[in-house]
C-alpha atoms as a PDB file:
ATOM      1  CA  MET A   1      11.572  -4.079  -5.938  1.00  0.00           C
ATOM      2  CA  LEU A   2      12.361  -0.453  -6.742  1.00  0.00           C
ATOM      3  CA  CYS A   3      15.826   1.056  -7.004  1.00  0.00           C
ATOM      4  CA  LYS A   4      16.608   3.449  -4.151  1.00  0.00           C
ATOM      5  CA  GLN A   5      18.590   5.747  -6.448  1.00  0.00           C
ATOM      6  CA  CYS A   6      16.415   6.156  -9.541  1.00  0.00           C
ATOM      7  CA  GLY A   7      13.066   4.584  -8.563  1.00  0.00           C
ATOM      8  CA  GLN A   8      12.929   2.215 -11.543  1.00  0.00           C
ATOM      9  CA  ALA A   9      11.856  -1.410 -11.173  1.00  0.00           C
ATOM     10  CA  VAL A  10      14.706  -3.849 -10.516  1.00  0.00           C
ATOM     11  CA  PRO A  11      14.170  -7.376 -11.864  1.00  0.00           C
ATOM     12  CA  GLU A  12      13.970 -10.131  -9.265  1.00  0.00           C
ATOM     13  CA  GLY A  13      17.376 -11.747  -8.699  1.00  0.00           C
ATOM     14  CA  ALA A  14      19.302  -8.768 -10.120  1.00  0.00           C
ATOM     15  CA  ASN A  15      22.234  -7.475  -8.088  1.00  0.00           C
ATOM     16  CA  SER A  16      21.950  -3.939  -9.414  1.00  0.00           C
ATOM     17  CA  CYS A  17      19.536  -1.644 -11.202  1.00  0.00           C
ATOM     18  CA  PRO A  18      19.673  -1.981 -15.011  1.00  0.00           C
ATOM     19  CA  SER A  19      18.873   1.734 -15.388  1.00  0.00           C
ATOM     20  CA  CYS A  20      21.475   3.332 -13.129  1.00  0.00           C
ATOM     21  CA  SER A  21      23.553   0.382 -11.845  1.00  0.00           C
ATOM     22  CA  GLY A  22      22.581   1.306  -8.288  1.00  0.00           C
ATOM     23  CA  ASN A  23      22.075  -1.295  -5.600  1.00  0.00           C
ATOM     24  CA  GLY A  24      18.395  -2.147  -5.177  1.00  0.00           C
ATOM     25  CA  GLY A  25      18.540  -3.040  -1.478  1.00  0.00           C
ATOM     26  CA  ALA A  26      20.302  -2.095   1.716  1.00  0.00           C
ATOM     27  CA  SER A  27      23.976  -2.950   2.060  1.00  0.00           C
ATOM     28  CA  ASP A  28      25.419  -5.023   4.893  1.00  0.00           C
ATOM     29  CA  ARG A  29      26.707  -1.825   6.451  1.00  0.00           C
ATOM     30  CA  GLU A  30      23.237  -0.252   6.416  1.00  0.00           C
ATOM     31  CA  VAL A  31      21.747  -3.376   8.014  1.00  0.00           C
ATOM     32  CA  LYS A  32      24.354  -3.316  10.809  1.00  0.00           C
ATOM     33  CA  ARG A  33      23.933   0.423  11.359  1.00  0.00           C
ATOM     34  CA  SER A  34      20.167   0.045  11.578  1.00  0.00           C
ATOM     35  CA  ALA A  35      20.479  -2.835  14.052  1.00  0.00           C
ATOM     36  CA  ILE A  36      22.857  -0.886  16.294  1.00  0.00           C
ATOM     37  CA  ALA A  37      20.582   2.172  16.191  1.00  0.00           C
ATOM     38  CA  GLY A  38      17.619  -0.014  17.172  1.00  0.00           C
ATOM     39  CA  GLY A  39      19.607  -1.522  20.022  1.00  0.00           C
ATOM     40  CA  LEU A  40      20.579   1.908  21.327  1.00  0.00           C
ATOM     41  CA  LYS A  41      16.965   3.068  21.193  1.00  0.00           C
ATOM     42  CA  GLY A  42      15.990  -0.010  23.198  1.00  0.00           C
ATOM     43  CA  LEU A  43      18.787   0.641  25.681  1.00  0.00           C
ATOM     44  CA  PHE A  44      17.688   4.204  26.319  1.00  0.00           C
ATOM     45  CA  LEU A  45      14.057   3.106  26.646  1.00  0.00           C
ATOM     46  CA  GLY A  46      15.160   0.501  29.205  1.00  0.00           C
ATOM     47  CA  LEU A  47      17.217   2.929  31.286  1.00  0.00           C
ATOM     48  CA  LEU A  48      14.174   4.903  32.423  1.00  0.00           C
ATOM     49  CA  PRO A  49      12.392   2.003  34.165  1.00  0.00           C
ATOM     50  CA  MET A  50      15.732   0.900  35.613  1.00  0.00           C
ATOM     51  CA  VAL A  51      16.304   4.290  37.230  1.00  0.00           C
ATOM     52  CA  VAL A  52      12.723   4.427  38.502  1.00  0.00           C
ATOM     53  CA  LEU A  53      13.012   0.949  40.052  1.00  0.00           C
ATOM     54  CA  LEU A  54      16.304   1.764  41.731  1.00  0.00           C
ATOM     55  CA  MET A  55      15.012   5.063  43.081  1.00  0.00           C
ATOM     56  CA  GLU A  56      11.683   3.634  44.248  1.00  0.00           C
ATOM     57  CA  TYR A  57      13.103   0.553  45.985  1.00  0.00           C
ATOM     58  CA  ARG A  58      16.394   2.145  47.080  1.00  0.00           C
ATOM     59  CA  ALA A  59      18.533  -0.530  45.447  1.00  0.00           C
ATOM     60  CA  GLU A  60      17.305  -3.450  47.553  1.00  0.00           C
ATOM     61  CA  PRO A  61      19.292  -6.627  46.846  1.00  0.00           C
ATOM     62  CA  GLY A  62      16.519  -8.429  44.926  1.00  0.00           C
ATOM     63  CA  VAL A  63      15.647  -5.418  42.805  1.00  0.00           C
ATOM     64  CA  VAL A  64      19.133  -4.643  41.482  1.00  0.00           C
ATOM     65  CA  PRO A  65      19.458  -7.683  39.147  1.00  0.00           C
ATOM     66  CA  VAL A  66      15.962  -7.081  37.763  1.00  0.00           C
ATOM     67  CA  ALA A  67      16.675  -3.393  37.248  1.00  0.00           C
ATOM     68  CA  ILE A  68      19.923  -4.187  35.429  1.00  0.00           C
ATOM     69  CA  ALA A  69      18.232  -6.813  33.258  1.00  0.00           C
ATOM     70  CA  ILE A  70      15.652  -4.366  31.908  1.00  0.00           C
ATOM     71  CA  PRO A  71      18.038  -2.295  29.718  1.00  0.00           C
ATOM     72  CA  VAL A  72      19.853  -5.453  28.603  1.00  0.00           C
ATOM     73  CA  VAL A  73      16.600  -7.026  27.429  1.00  0.00           C
ATOM     74  CA  THR A  74      15.343  -3.847  25.762  1.00  0.00           C
ATOM     75  CA  PHE A  75      18.693  -3.415  23.968  1.00  0.00           C
ATOM     76  CA  ALA A  76      18.542  -6.989  22.676  1.00  0.00           C
ATOM     77  CA  ALA A  77      14.918  -6.611  21.598  1.00  0.00           C
ATOM     78  CA  GLY A  78      15.570  -3.301  19.832  1.00  0.00           C
ATOM     79  CA  PHE A  79      18.653  -4.719  18.108  1.00  0.00           C
ATOM     80  CA  LEU A  80      16.838  -7.841  16.942  1.00  0.00           C
ATOM     81  CA  ILE A  81      13.727  -6.026  15.716  1.00  0.00           C
ATOM     82  CA  ALA A  82      15.746  -3.426  13.796  1.00  0.00           C
ATOM     83  CA  PHE A  83      18.043  -6.103  12.351  1.00  0.00           C
ATOM     84  CA  LEU A  84      15.153  -8.237  11.122  1.00  0.00           C
ATOM     85  CA  LYS A  85      13.358  -5.216   9.680  1.00  0.00           C
ATOM     86  CA  ALA A  86      16.490  -4.064   7.838  1.00  0.00           C
ATOM     87  CA  ARG A  87      17.072  -7.580   6.494  1.00  0.00           C
ATOM     88  CA  ARG A  88      13.468  -7.731   5.275  1.00  0.00           C
ATOM     89  CA  ASP A  89      13.808  -4.347   3.561  1.00  0.00           C
ATOM     90  CA  ARG A  90      17.081  -5.484   2.005  1.00  0.00           C
ATOM     91  CA  LYS A  91      15.389  -8.121  -0.141  1.00  0.00           C
END
């Protein structure tokens, strides 16, 4: 793994870089921020099909729950994908 601050190799199992004492991976805060950003991207991507469904079918009773579920699912998927990617990059 390479240090994000100085670019030197960080030995496996080390908590910090021996060259600059910088953290080699992402912090918990960075992981959470990345996950939230991924969730918001998913939410905004899910809002477009929701609006199209509601406009096309004029909010018929069976369409409303499906239309509402789309942004919820895309938020969860975006959050989970970004969280797992940030955790992988952390190691």
